[in-house]
Amino acid sequence: MLTETDKAYIAGLFDGEGTILIKQYWEKRKGKPRAYKIWRINMEISMTDETVVKWVHEALGVGTVRIRIKNKSPSSKPHWKKQWRWRCTHRDALYVAKLLWPHAQTKLHKIEQIIDHYDTKDEAKPSADIIYLKDKRK
């Protein structure tokens, strides 16, 4: 169980070191005759401190942690530190967005886009997990 302090700390980390991607792409699926529009929704924290990234992963209980493998490109320097990345996608991103929403500052607009993307739009059947932003802001 995350405390409010933990949520605020992770929101601060995310504001400084995080990235949110919400974009629709055309993708050709294997065995399908044509391309389809699909949504990519990712939340990611990248940093060189492995312990912090792994703590975020354990605290949130969703996503994956991977190390960035240096490629052979000229822009990759041998003296650079290893970079650790925590990433979650789709419904896991919705879960994290709801946790961080009350504490976020810099990434608040993108977090709200994730929440609004999954909003049921049917107020007659509200889900217990959905935070209606217009009601919360009143």
N, C-alpha and C. Protein backbone atom coordinates (compact mmCIF):
# COMPACT_ATOMS: atom_id res chain seq x y z
N MET A 1 0.84 -1.19 0.00
CA MET A 1 0.00 0.00 0.00
C MET A 1 0.88 1.24 0.00
N LEU A 2 0.66 2.10 -0.96
CA LEU A 2 1.43 3.33 -1.07
C LEU A 2 0.87 4.40 -0.15
N THR A 3 1.76 5.09 0.52
CA THR A 3 1.34 6.23 1.34
C THR A 3 1.22 7.45 0.43
N GLU A 4 0.57 8.51 0.91
CA GLU A 4 0.46 9.75 0.15
C GLU A 4 1.84 10.35 -0.10
N THR A 5 2.75 10.17 0.86
CA THR A 5 4.12 10.67 0.70
C THR A 5 4.82 9.94 -0.44
N ASP A 6 4.65 8.61 -0.52
CA ASP A 6 5.25 7.84 -1.61
C ASP A 6 4.68 8.27 -2.96
N LYS A 7 3.36 8.47 -3.02
CA LYS A 7 2.72 8.91 -4.26
C LYS A 7 3.26 10.27 -4.69
N ALA A 8 3.38 11.18 -3.72
CA ALA A 8 3.89 12.52 -4.03
C ALA A 8 5.34 12.46 -4.50
N TYR A 9 6.14 11.60 -3.87
CA TYR A 9 7.54 11.44 -4.26
C TYR A 9 7.65 10.90 -5.69
N ILE A 10 6.86 9.87 -6.00
CA ILE A 10 6.88 9.29 -7.34
C ILE A 10 6.37 10.31 -8.36
N ALA A 11 5.36 11.09 -7.99
CA ALA A 11 4.86 12.14 -8.89
C ALA A 11 5.96 13.17 -9.17
N GLY A 12 6.73 13.52 -8.16
CA GLY A 12 7.84 14.45 -8.34
C GLY A 12 8.92 13.87 -9.24
N LEU A 13 9.25 12.60 -9.02
CA LEU A 13 10.20 11.92 -9.90
C LEU A 13 9.70 11.93 -11.34
N PHE A 14 8.42 11.61 -11.47
CA PHE A 14 7.83 11.55 -12.80
C PHE A 14 7.82 12.91 -13.47
N ASP A 15 7.51 13.97 -12.71
CA ASP A 15 7.54 15.33 -13.28
C ASP A 15 8.92 15.68 -13.80
N GLY A 16 9.96 15.23 -13.10
CA GLY A 16 11.32 15.57 -13.51
C GLY A 16 11.94 14.62 -14.50
N GLU A 17 11.73 13.33 -14.34
CA GLU A 17 12.42 12.31 -15.14
C GLU A 17 11.49 11.49 -16.02
N GLY A 18 10.20 11.80 -16.01
CA GLY A 18 9.23 10.96 -16.71
C GLY A 18 8.85 11.45 -18.08
N THR A 19 8.25 10.54 -18.82
CA THR A 19 7.76 10.81 -20.17
C THR A 19 6.42 10.11 -20.34
N ILE A 20 5.50 10.78 -21.02
CA ILE A 20 4.20 10.18 -21.33
C ILE A 20 3.99 10.24 -22.84
N LEU A 21 3.59 9.12 -23.42
CA LEU A 21 3.28 9.05 -24.84
C LEU A 21 1.82 8.63 -24.98
N ILE A 22 1.04 9.46 -25.66
CA ILE A 22 -0.34 9.13 -26.00
C ILE A 22 -0.48 9.47 -27.47
N LYS A 23 -0.51 8.43 -28.31
CA LYS A 23 -0.52 8.67 -29.74
C LYS A 23 -1.20 7.52 -30.46
N GLN A 24 -1.84 7.84 -31.56
CA GLN A 24 -2.48 6.83 -32.38
C GLN A 24 -1.62 6.57 -33.62
N TYR A 25 -1.39 5.30 -33.92
CA TYR A 25 -0.55 4.89 -35.04
C TYR A 25 -1.33 3.95 -35.96
N TRP A 26 -0.88 3.90 -37.20
CA TRP A 26 -1.34 2.88 -38.12
C TRP A 26 -0.40 1.70 -37.98
N GLU A 27 -0.94 0.52 -37.80
CA GLU A 27 -0.09 -0.66 -37.65
C GLU A 27 -0.68 -1.83 -38.43
N LYS A 28 0.18 -2.49 -39.16
CA LYS A 28 -0.22 -3.70 -39.88
C LYS A 28 0.01 -4.89 -38.97
N ARG A 29 -1.03 -5.60 -38.66
CA ARG A 29 -0.94 -6.78 -37.81
C ARG A 29 -0.65 -8.01 -38.65
N LYS A 30 0.12 -8.91 -38.09
CA LYS A 30 0.47 -10.15 -38.79
C LYS A 30 -0.80 -10.94 -39.10
N GLY A 31 -0.94 -11.34 -40.34
CA GLY A 31 -2.09 -12.14 -40.76
C GLY A 31 -3.33 -11.33 -41.10
N LYS A 32 -3.29 -10.02 -40.93
CA LYS A 32 -4.44 -9.16 -41.24
C LYS A 32 -4.22 -8.52 -42.61
N PRO A 33 -5.30 -8.32 -43.37
CA PRO A 33 -5.14 -7.81 -44.73
C PRO A 33 -4.78 -6.32 -44.82
N ARG A 34 -5.06 -5.56 -43.78
CA ARG A 34 -4.77 -4.12 -43.87
C ARG A 34 -4.30 -3.58 -42.53
N ALA A 35 -3.87 -2.32 -42.53
CA ALA A 35 -3.40 -1.67 -41.30
C ALA A 35 -4.59 -1.14 -40.51
N TYR A 36 -4.44 -1.07 -39.19
CA TYR A 36 -5.46 -0.57 -38.29
C TYR A 36 -4.87 0.51 -37.40
N LYS A 37 -5.73 1.44 -36.97
CA LYS A 37 -5.28 2.46 -36.03
C LYS A 37 -5.26 1.85 -34.63
N ILE A 38 -4.14 2.02 -33.95
CA ILE A 38 -4.03 1.54 -32.58
C ILE A 38 -3.50 2.68 -31.70
N TRP A 39 -3.83 2.63 -30.43
CA TRP A 39 -3.34 3.63 -29.48
C TRP A 39 -2.10 3.09 -28.78
N ARG A 40 -1.12 3.97 -28.62
CA ARG A 40 0.04 3.67 -27.79
C ARG A 40 -0.02 4.61 -26.61
N ILE A 41 -0.10 4.07 -25.43
CA ILE A 41 -0.14 4.86 -24.20
C ILE A 41 0.94 4.31 -23.29
N ASN A 42 2.00 5.11 -23.07
CA ASN A 42 3.15 4.70 -22.25
C ASN A 42 3.45 5.76 -21.21
N MET A 43 3.86 5.31 -20.04
CA MET A 43 4.43 6.18 -19.02
C MET A 43 5.80 5.59 -18.71
N GLU A 44 6.82 6.45 -18.62
CA GLU A 44 8.19 5.96 -18.46
C GLU A 44 9.00 6.91 -17.57
N ILE A 45 9.84 6.31 -16.73
CA ILE A 45 10.82 7.07 -15.95
C ILE A 45 12.19 6.51 -16.33
N SER A 46 13.11 7.40 -16.73
CA SER A 46 14.47 7.00 -17.10
C SER A 46 15.46 7.73 -16.22
N MET A 47 16.37 6.99 -15.61
CA MET A 47 17.43 7.60 -14.81
C MET A 47 18.58 6.63 -14.62
N THR A 48 19.70 7.14 -14.12
CA THR A 48 20.88 6.31 -13.94
C THR A 48 20.94 5.64 -12.57
N ASP A 49 20.05 5.99 -11.67
CA ASP A 49 20.02 5.40 -10.33
C ASP A 49 19.12 4.16 -10.33
N GLU A 50 19.74 3.00 -10.41
CA GLU A 50 19.01 1.73 -10.50
C GLU A 50 18.10 1.50 -9.30
N THR A 51 18.57 1.82 -8.10
CA THR A 51 17.78 1.54 -6.89
C THR A 51 16.47 2.32 -6.88
N VAL A 52 16.49 3.56 -7.33
CA VAL A 52 15.27 4.37 -7.34
C VAL A 52 14.28 3.80 -8.36
N VAL A 53 14.76 3.46 -9.54
CA VAL A 53 13.88 2.92 -10.58
C VAL A 53 13.26 1.60 -10.12
N LYS A 54 14.04 0.75 -9.52
CA LYS A 54 13.51 -0.53 -9.03
C LYS A 54 12.54 -0.33 -7.87
N TRP A 55 12.79 0.67 -7.02
CA TRP A 55 11.85 0.97 -5.93
C TRP A 55 10.51 1.43 -6.49
N VAL A 56 10.54 2.29 -7.52
CA VAL A 56 9.30 2.75 -8.15
C VAL A 56 8.53 1.55 -8.69
N HIS A 57 9.23 0.64 -9.34
CA HIS A 57 8.59 -0.55 -9.90
C HIS A 57 7.94 -1.39 -8.80
N GLU A 58 8.67 -1.62 -7.72
CA GLU A 58 8.13 -2.42 -6.61
C GLU A 58 6.98 -1.70 -5.92
N ALA A 59 7.11 -0.40 -5.72
CA ALA A 59 6.07 0.36 -5.02
C ALA A 59 4.77 0.40 -5.82
N LEU A 60 4.86 0.59 -7.13
CA LEU A 60 3.66 0.67 -7.95
C LEU A 60 3.10 -0.71 -8.30
N GLY A 61 3.98 -1.69 -8.41
CA GLY A 61 3.53 -3.05 -8.69
C GLY A 61 3.11 -3.29 -10.13
N VAL A 62 3.43 -2.38 -11.03
CA VAL A 62 3.10 -2.54 -12.45
C VAL A 62 4.30 -2.11 -13.28
N GLY A 63 4.28 -2.51 -14.53
CA GLY A 63 5.32 -2.08 -15.46
C GLY A 63 6.51 -3.01 -15.50
N THR A 64 7.53 -2.56 -16.21
CA THR A 64 8.77 -3.32 -16.34
C THR A 64 9.96 -2.40 -16.14
N VAL A 65 11.08 -2.99 -15.74
CA VAL A 65 12.34 -2.26 -15.60
C VAL A 65 13.33 -2.89 -16.56
N ARG A 66 13.97 -2.05 -17.35
CA ARG A 66 14.98 -2.52 -18.31
C ARG A 66 16.16 -1.58 -18.26
N ILE A 67 17.30 -2.10 -18.63
CA ILE A 67 18.50 -1.29 -18.74
C ILE A 67 18.65 -0.88 -20.20
N ARG A 68 19.04 0.34 -20.42
CA ARG A 68 19.27 0.80 -21.79
C ARG A 68 20.60 0.26 -22.26
N ILE A 69 20.55 -0.48 -23.33
CA ILE A 69 21.76 -1.07 -23.89
C ILE A 69 22.38 -0.06 -24.84
N LYS A 70 23.64 0.22 -24.61
CA LYS A 70 24.33 1.18 -25.48
C LYS A 70 24.44 0.60 -26.88
N ASN A 71 24.11 1.45 -27.84
CA ASN A 71 24.25 0.99 -29.21
C ASN A 71 25.62 1.40 -29.76
N LYS A 72 25.89 1.01 -30.96
CA LYS A 72 27.20 1.25 -31.56
C LYS A 72 27.27 2.60 -32.28
N SER A 73 26.26 3.45 -32.09
CA SER A 73 26.26 4.72 -32.82
C SER A 73 27.33 5.67 -32.28
N PRO A 74 27.76 6.61 -33.10
CA PRO A 74 28.79 7.55 -32.67
C PRO A 74 28.36 8.44 -31.50
N SER A 75 27.05 8.60 -31.32
CA SER A 75 26.57 9.46 -30.23
C SER A 75 26.68 8.77 -28.86
N SER A 76 26.91 7.47 -28.83
CA SER A 76 27.04 6.71 -27.59
C SER A 76 28.48 6.79 -27.08
N LYS A 77 28.65 7.33 -25.90
CA LYS A 77 29.98 7.53 -25.32
C LYS A 77 30.29 6.41 -24.32
N PRO A 78 31.51 5.87 -24.31
CA PRO A 78 31.84 4.76 -23.41
C PRO A 78 31.83 5.16 -21.94
N HIS A 79 31.97 6.44 -21.63
CA HIS A 79 32.01 6.87 -20.23
C HIS A 79 30.62 7.19 -19.66
N TRP A 80 29.57 7.10 -20.48
CA TRP A 80 28.23 7.37 -19.99
C TRP A 80 27.80 6.27 -19.02
N LYS A 81 27.02 6.67 -18.02
CA LYS A 81 26.48 5.69 -17.07
C LYS A 81 25.36 4.88 -17.73
N LYS A 82 25.09 3.72 -17.15
CA LYS A 82 23.96 2.92 -17.61
C LYS A 82 22.67 3.65 -17.24
N GLN A 83 21.68 3.50 -18.11
CA GLN A 83 20.39 4.13 -17.85
C GLN A 83 19.33 3.05 -17.60
N TRP A 84 18.56 3.23 -16.53
CA TRP A 84 17.50 2.30 -16.17
C TRP A 84 16.17 2.93 -16.52
N ARG A 85 15.25 2.12 -17.05
CA ARG A 85 13.95 2.62 -17.47
C ARG A 85 12.83 1.77 -16.90
N TRP A 86 11.90 2.45 -16.24
CA TRP A 86 10.65 1.82 -15.82
C TRP A 86 9.58 2.28 -16.79
N ARG A 87 8.77 1.34 -17.27
CA ARG A 87 7.73 1.68 -18.22
C ARG A 87 6.47 0.88 -17.93
N CYS A 88 5.32 1.54 -18.07
CA CYS A 88 4.04 0.83 -18.03
C CYS A 88 3.20 1.34 -19.20
N THR A 89 2.23 0.54 -19.61
CA THR A 89 1.42 0.87 -20.78
C THR A 89 -0.05 0.64 -20.49
N HIS A 90 -0.89 1.23 -21.30
CA HIS A 90 -2.33 1.05 -21.37
C HIS A 90 -3.02 1.13 -20.00
N ARG A 91 -3.70 0.08 -19.56
CA ARG A 91 -4.47 0.13 -18.30
C ARG A 91 -3.57 0.30 -17.08
N ASP A 92 -2.36 -0.22 -17.14
CA ASP A 92 -1.41 0.02 -16.05
C ASP A 92 -1.08 1.52 -15.97
N ALA A 93 -0.98 2.17 -17.13
CA ALA A 93 -0.72 3.61 -17.16
C ALA A 93 -1.91 4.37 -16.56
N LEU A 94 -3.12 3.88 -16.79
CA LEU A 94 -4.30 4.50 -16.19
C LEU A 94 -4.23 4.40 -14.67
N TYR A 95 -3.87 3.23 -14.15
CA TYR A 95 -3.73 3.02 -12.71
C TYR A 95 -2.72 4.00 -12.12
N VAL A 96 -1.56 4.13 -12.75
CA VAL A 96 -0.50 5.02 -12.26
C VAL A 96 -0.94 6.48 -12.39
N ALA A 97 -1.60 6.82 -13.49
CA ALA A 97 -2.06 8.20 -13.68
C ALA A 97 -3.02 8.62 -12.57
N LYS A 98 -3.90 7.72 -12.17
CA LYS A 98 -4.84 8.04 -11.09
C LYS A 98 -4.13 8.22 -9.75
N LEU A 99 -3.07 7.45 -9.53
CA LEU A 99 -2.30 7.61 -8.29
C LEU A 99 -1.56 8.94 -8.25
N LEU A 100 -0.99 9.33 -9.39
CA LEU A 100 -0.14 10.52 -9.43
C LEU A 100 -0.91 11.82 -9.65
N TRP A 101 -2.12 11.74 -10.15
CA TRP A 101 -2.89 12.92 -10.54
C TRP A 101 -2.98 14.00 -9.45
N PRO A 102 -3.29 13.65 -8.20
CA PRO A 102 -3.42 14.73 -7.19
C PRO A 102 -2.10 15.45 -6.89
N HIS A 103 -0.97 14.83 -7.24
CA HIS A 103 0.33 15.38 -6.87
C HIS A 103 1.12 15.94 -8.05
N ALA A 104 0.70 15.65 -9.26
CA ALA A 104 1.48 16.03 -10.45
C ALA A 104 1.39 17.53 -10.70
N GLN A 105 2.44 18.08 -11.26
CA GLN A 105 2.48 19.49 -11.63
C GLN A 105 2.81 19.61 -13.12
N THR A 106 4.03 19.28 -13.47
CA THR A 106 4.52 19.46 -14.83
C THR A 106 3.80 18.56 -15.83
N LYS A 107 3.57 17.32 -15.47
CA LYS A 107 2.96 16.35 -16.38
C LYS A 107 1.46 16.20 -16.18
N LEU A 108 0.85 17.13 -15.45
CA LEU A 108 -0.58 17.02 -15.12
C LEU A 108 -1.46 16.90 -16.37
N HIS A 109 -1.21 17.72 -17.38
CA HIS A 109 -2.05 17.70 -18.58
C HIS A 109 -2.00 16.34 -19.26
N LYS A 110 -0.82 15.76 -19.41
CA LYS A 110 -0.69 14.45 -20.04
C LYS A 110 -1.34 13.36 -19.20
N ILE A 111 -1.20 13.45 -17.87
CA ILE A 111 -1.84 12.48 -16.97
C ILE A 111 -3.35 12.55 -17.14
N GLU A 112 -3.89 13.76 -17.24
CA GLU A 112 -5.33 13.91 -17.44
C GLU A 112 -5.77 13.35 -18.79
N GLN A 113 -4.91 13.45 -19.81
CA GLN A 113 -5.24 12.86 -21.11
C GLN A 113 -5.38 11.35 -21.01
N ILE A 114 -4.53 10.70 -20.23
CA ILE A 114 -4.64 9.25 -20.04
C ILE A 114 -5.95 8.92 -19.36
N ILE A 115 -6.26 9.63 -18.29
CA ILE A 115 -7.50 9.37 -17.54
C ILE A 115 -8.71 9.61 -18.44
N ASP A 116 -8.70 10.71 -19.18
CA ASP A 116 -9.83 11.02 -20.07
C ASP A 116 -9.95 10.02 -21.21
N HIS A 117 -8.85 9.46 -21.68
CA HIS A 117 -8.89 8.46 -22.76
C HIS A 117 -9.69 7.23 -22.33
N TYR A 118 -9.52 6.83 -21.08
CA TYR A 118 -10.20 5.63 -20.59
C TYR A 118 -11.53 5.94 -19.90
N ASP A 119 -11.91 7.20 -19.83
CA ASP A 119 -13.18 7.59 -19.20
C ASP A 119 -14.32 6.92 -19.95
N THR A 120 -15.31 6.44 -19.22
CA THR A 120 -16.42 5.71 -19.83
C THR A 120 -17.34 6.62 -20.62
N LYS A 121 -17.35 7.90 -20.39
CA LYS A 121 -18.22 8.88 -21.03
C LYS A 121 -19.70 8.61 -20.74
N ASP A 122 -19.98 7.66 -19.89
CA ASP A 122 -21.36 7.34 -19.54
C ASP A 122 -21.52 7.56 -18.04
N GLU A 123 -21.99 8.75 -17.68
CA GLU A 123 -22.09 9.08 -16.26
C GLU A 123 -23.21 8.30 -15.57
N ALA A 124 -24.09 7.68 -16.35
CA ALA A 124 -25.13 6.86 -15.74
C ALA A 124 -24.55 5.58 -15.16
N LYS A 125 -23.41 5.13 -15.69
CA LYS A 125 -22.75 3.92 -15.22
C LYS A 125 -21.31 4.24 -14.84
N PRO A 126 -21.09 5.02 -13.80
CA PRO A 126 -19.70 5.35 -13.45
C PRO A 126 -18.98 4.13 -12.87
N SER A 127 -17.74 4.00 -13.23
CA SER A 127 -16.90 2.96 -12.67
C SER A 127 -16.32 3.46 -11.35
N ALA A 128 -16.10 2.58 -10.41
CA ALA A 128 -15.52 2.98 -9.12
C ALA A 128 -14.09 3.46 -9.30
N ASP A 129 -13.44 3.06 -10.39
CA ASP A 129 -12.04 3.43 -10.60
C ASP A 129 -11.87 4.74 -11.34
N ILE A 130 -12.94 5.25 -11.95
CA ILE A 130 -12.83 6.46 -12.77
C ILE A 130 -12.92 7.70 -11.89
N ILE A 131 -12.00 8.62 -12.11
CA ILE A 131 -12.04 9.92 -11.45
C ILE A 131 -12.55 10.91 -12.47
N TYR A 132 -13.71 11.48 -12.25
CA TYR A 132 -14.24 12.49 -13.14
C TYR A 132 -13.60 13.82 -12.79
N LEU A 133 -12.73 14.31 -13.68
CA LEU A 133 -11.93 15.49 -13.40
C LEU A 133 -12.79 16.72 -13.18
N LYS A 134 -13.88 16.86 -13.92
CA LYS A 134 -14.71 18.04 -13.76
C LYS A 134 -15.36 18.08 -12.38
N ASP A 135 -15.68 16.90 -11.81
CA ASP A 135 -16.24 16.84 -10.46
C ASP A 135 -15.17 17.07 -9.40
N LYS A 136 -13.98 16.53 -9.64
CA LYS A 136 -12.88 16.65 -8.68
C LYS A 136 -12.43 18.10 -8.54
N ARG A 137 -12.48 18.85 -9.63
CA ARG A 137 -12.00 20.24 -9.64
C ARG A 137 -12.99 21.22 -9.02
N LYS A 138 -14.26 20.81 -8.83
CA LYS A 138 -15.27 21.72 -8.26
C LYS A 138 -14.99 22.09 -6.84
